[in-house]
């Protein structure tokens, strides 16, 4: 059996890739030092840019699709079942900053561009929706209408609670907390706690 590390665009030292890992186009991905990619990981397509930094841990059954740009900085952890749909357009990317983590079954859509800064804590089942259906078009089914895309940016030192949904064209300022089950539709101001549907600032940190 071939060692998939030898097929990568670049591979650092102390890289552990479990059996039952699927990387369809290994030469599109660069991997740094002290990286652990566990079983069930699936990189489905050829990325325009693909880079995983140092000291990254990817737990089982993380699934990545799309042909945009994926950059995972140093000391990032992706927990089991995290889903990344990078998108296929020129503006499609997912960047995850250093010392950030995504808890189980978070869903990250990068079609409109998703920038997650450093020291961000993403709880389980969070959804970053940089793409959506255009419900203003009524002469065809929504599933067939062109999608609507827009960017999402997280600055740094942010905590997103479980089951929160972050909609496109939003920017989360430094030091914010977005409460569990919240739906964020607008930009935030620094060091606020936002809760509810739609999410509103309820107090300062």
Protein backbone atom coordinates (compact mmCIF):
# COMPACT_ATOMS: atom_id res chain seq x y z
CA UNK A 1 0.00 0.00 0.00
CA UNK A 2 1.34 3.43 -0.96
CA UNK A 3 2.16 5.92 1.78
CA UNK A 4 -0.13 8.86 1.08
CA UNK A 5 2.39 11.18 2.73
CA UNK A 6 4.72 10.63 -0.21
CA UNK A 7 2.03 11.86 -2.62
CA UNK A 8 1.31 15.16 -0.87
CA UNK A 9 2.52 18.43 -2.34
CA UNK A 10 4.59 18.84 0.83
CA UNK A 11 4.73 16.87 4.07
CA UNK A 12 6.48 17.86 7.28
CA UNK A 13 7.92 15.73 10.05
CA UNK A 14 5.97 13.63 12.54
CA UNK A 15 2.85 13.41 10.38
CA UNK A 16 0.44 10.60 11.26
CA UNK A 17 -2.22 9.65 8.70
CA UNK A 18 -4.46 6.78 9.75
CA UNK A 19 -5.69 3.99 7.49
CA UNK A 20 -9.03 4.64 5.82
CA UNK A 21 -8.14 8.25 5.02
CA UNK A 22 -9.17 9.40 1.53
CA UNK A 23 -7.42 12.30 -0.23
CA UNK A 24 -8.47 12.12 -3.86
CA UNK A 25 -5.83 14.53 -5.16
CA UNK A 26 -2.92 14.46 -2.67
CA UNK A 27 -0.65 16.74 -4.67
CA UNK A 28 -2.98 19.70 -4.01
CA UNK A 29 -2.36 19.54 -0.23
CA UNK A 30 0.62 20.69 1.86
CA UNK A 31 0.86 19.41 5.43
CA UNK A 32 3.09 20.81 8.17
CA UNK A 33 4.81 19.22 11.15
CA UNK A 34 3.17 17.21 13.95
CA UNK A 35 -0.12 16.72 12.13
CA UNK A 36 -2.53 13.90 12.94
CA UNK A 37 -5.26 13.01 10.43
CA UNK A 38 -7.52 10.26 11.75
CA UNK A 39 -9.57 7.57 10.03
CA UNK A 40 -12.58 8.52 7.96
CA UNK A 41 -11.11 11.84 6.83
CA UNK A 42 -12.24 12.55 3.26
CA UNK A 43 -10.92 15.27 0.97
CA UNK A 44 -13.18 14.87 -2.01
CA UNK A 45 -11.84 17.17 -4.75
CA UNK A 46 -8.78 19.04 -5.95
CA UNK A 47 -8.29 22.28 -4.04
CA UNK A 48 -7.09 25.47 -5.68
CA UNK A 49 -4.92 25.95 -2.60
CA UNK A 50 -4.69 23.45 0.26
CA UNK A 51 -2.49 23.96 3.32
CA UNK A 52 -2.52 22.47 6.82
CA UNK A 53 -0.14 24.02 9.33
CA UNK A 54 1.83 22.59 12.24
CA UNK A 55 0.37 20.83 15.29
CA UNK A 56 -3.03 20.28 13.66
CA UNK A 57 -5.32 17.47 14.78
CA UNK A 58 -8.16 16.27 12.57
CA UNK A 59 -10.40 13.74 14.30
CA UNK A 60 -12.35 10.97 12.53
CA UNK A 61 -14.91 11.50 9.80
CA UNK A 62 -14.12 15.08 8.84
CA UNK A 63 -15.41 15.63 5.29
CA UNK A 64 -14.15 18.34 2.90
CA UNK A 65 -15.47 19.12 -0.56
CA UNK A 66 -15.10 21.93 -3.07
CA UNK A 67 -12.29 23.31 -5.21
CA UNK A 68 -11.64 26.65 -3.53
CA UNK A 69 -8.91 27.57 -1.07
CA UNK A 70 -8.45 25.83 2.28
CA UNK A 71 -5.92 27.11 4.79
CA UNK A 72 -5.76 25.64 8.29
CA UNK A 73 -3.24 27.44 10.46
CA UNK A 74 -1.10 26.04 13.30
CA UNK A 75 -2.60 24.48 16.43
CA UNK A 76 -6.09 23.98 14.95
CA UNK A 77 -8.33 21.09 15.97
CA UNK A 78 -11.25 19.74 13.93
CA UNK A 79 -13.35 17.37 16.01
CA UNK A 80 -15.31 14.37 14.65
CA UNK A 81 -17.82 14.94 11.91
CA UNK A 82 -16.92 18.51 11.01
CA UNK A 83 -18.11 19.32 7.47
CA UNK A 84 -16.35 21.83 5.21
CA UNK A 85 -17.94 22.79 1.89
CA UNK A 86 -15.45 25.20 0.38
CA UNK A 87 -17.35 26.04 -2.79
CA UNK A 88 -16.31 26.30 -6.41
CA UNK A 89 -16.15 30.01 -7.20
CA UNK A 90 -13.26 32.47 -7.39
CA UNK A 91 -14.29 33.93 -4.02
CA UNK A 92 -14.67 30.54 -2.34
CA UNK A 93 -12.35 29.87 0.57
CA UNK A 94 -12.15 28.71 4.17
CA UNK A 95 -9.36 30.03 6.38
CA UNK A 96 -9.12 28.82 10.00
CA UNK A 97 -6.75 30.83 12.18
CA UNK A 98 -4.24 29.50 14.65
CA UNK A 99 -5.36 28.05 18.00
CA UNK A 100 -8.97 27.77 16.84
CA UNK A 101 -11.14 24.68 17.02
CA UNK A 102 -14.40 23.37 15.57
CA UNK A 103 -16.41 21.00 17.76
CA UNK A 104 -18.27 17.96 16.42
CA UNK A 105 -20.57 18.38 13.44
CA UNK A 106 -19.95 22.05 12.83
CA UNK A 107 -20.78 22.93 9.21
CA UNK A 108 -18.55 25.45 7.44
CA UNK A 109 -19.62 26.76 4.03
CA UNK A 110 -16.96 28.76 2.20
CA UNK A 111 -18.80 29.60 -1.01
CA UNK A 112 -18.86 33.32 -0.21
CA UNK A 113 -15.59 33.28 1.76
CA UNK A 114 -15.24 32.19 5.40
CA UNK A 115 -12.48 33.72 7.51
CA UNK A 116 -12.13 32.38 11.07
CA UNK A 117 -9.50 34.27 13.02
CA UNK A 118 -7.18 33.01 15.75
CA UNK A 119 -8.36 31.74 19.12
CA UNK A 120 -11.92 31.09 17.96
CA UNK A 121 -14.04 28.46 19.71
CA UNK A 122 -16.72 26.94 17.49
CA UNK A 123 -19.19 24.74 19.37
CA UNK A 124 -20.98 21.66 18.10
CA UNK A 125 -23.49 21.94 15.26
CA UNK A 126 -22.65 25.56 14.46
CA UNK A 127 -23.47 26.53 10.85
CA UNK A 128 -21.62 29.21 8.87
CA UNK A 129 -23.92 29.91 5.92
CA UNK A 130 -21.99 31.91 3.32
CA UNK A 131 -24.41 30.53 0.72
CA UNK A 132 -28.17 30.21 0.63
CA UNK A 133 -31.23 29.83 -1.59
CA UNK A 134 -32.63 32.91 -3.31
CA UNK A 135 -36.25 32.93 -2.12
CA UNK A 136 -36.99 36.17 -4.01
CA UNK A 137 -37.07 34.24 -7.29
CA UNK A 138 -40.58 32.81 -7.52
CA UNK A 139 -40.78 31.55 -11.10
CA UNK A 140 -38.75 28.41 -10.40
CA UNK A 141 -38.15 26.11 -7.43
CA UNK A 142 -35.74 27.55 -4.87
CA UNK A 143 -33.52 24.49 -5.26
CA UNK A 144 -32.98 25.41 -8.94
CA UNK A 145 -32.51 29.17 -8.55
CA UNK A 146 -28.98 30.62 -8.44
CA UNK A 147 -27.62 30.69 -4.91
CA UNK A 148 -26.91 33.84 -2.94
CA UNK A 149 -23.42 34.12 -1.47
CA UNK A 150 -21.71 36.51 0.93
CA UNK A 151 -18.70 36.49 3.23
CA UNK A 152 -18.46 35.74 6.93
CA UNK A 153 -15.54 37.00 9.03
CA UNK A 154 -14.64 36.16 12.63
CA UNK A 155 -11.94 38.45 13.98
CA UNK A 156 -10.31 36.75 17.00
CA UNK A 157 -11.00 35.42 20.50
CA UNK A 158 -14.62 34.50 19.71
CA UNK A 159 -16.92 31.85 21.17
CA UNK A 160 -19.82 30.55 19.09
CA UNK A 161 -22.29 28.51 21.16
CA UNK A 162 -23.80 25.20 20.15
CA UNK A 163 -26.34 25.12 17.32
CA UNK A 164 -25.80 28.77 16.40
CA UNK A 165 -26.25 29.87 12.79
CA UNK A 166 -24.13 32.65 11.30
CA UNK A 167 -25.59 34.12 8.12
CA UNK A 168 -23.74 35.63 5.16
CA UNK A 169 -22.50 39.22 5.07
CA UNK A 170 -21.69 39.32 8.77
CA UNK A 171 -18.56 40.21 10.70
CA UNK A 172 -18.08 39.10 14.30
CA UNK A 173 -15.87 41.52 16.18
CA UNK A 174 -13.06 40.60 18.54
CA UNK A 175 -13.98 39.10 21.88
CA UNK A 176 -17.65 38.36 21.15
CA UNK A 177 -19.80 35.51 22.42
CA UNK A 178 -22.66 34.25 20.25
CA UNK A 179 -25.07 32.27 22.41
CA UNK A 180 -26.32 28.77 21.79
CA UNK A 181 -29.14 28.50 19.22
CA UNK A 182 -28.70 32.13 18.13
CA UNK A 183 -29.12 33.26 14.52
CA UNK A 184 -26.73 36.08 13.70
CA UNK A 185 -27.86 38.32 10.84
CA UNK A 186 -25.81 41.51 11.38
CA UNK A 187 -22.30 42.64 12.31
CA UNK A 188 -21.37 42.74 15.99
CA UNK A 189 -19.42 45.21 18.08
CA UNK A 190 -16.37 44.14 20.14
CA UNK A 191 -16.69 42.15 23.36
CA UNK A 192 -20.43 41.71 23.35
CA UNK A 193 -22.65 38.79 24.23
CA UNK A 194 -25.29 38.19 21.53
CA UNK A 195 -28.28 35.91 21.97
CA UNK A 196 -31.62 35.14 20.38
CA UNK A 197 -33.28 34.95 16.96
CA UNK A 198 -32.25 37.25 15.44
CA UNK A 199 -29.25 37.65 17.73
CA UNK A 200 -29.03 40.90 19.69
CA UNK A 201 -26.45 42.24 22.12
CA UNK A 202 -27.65 41.47 25.63
CA UNK A 203 -24.60 42.49 27.67
CA UNK A 204 -20.93 43.36 27.59
CA UNK A 205 -18.16 40.99 28.52
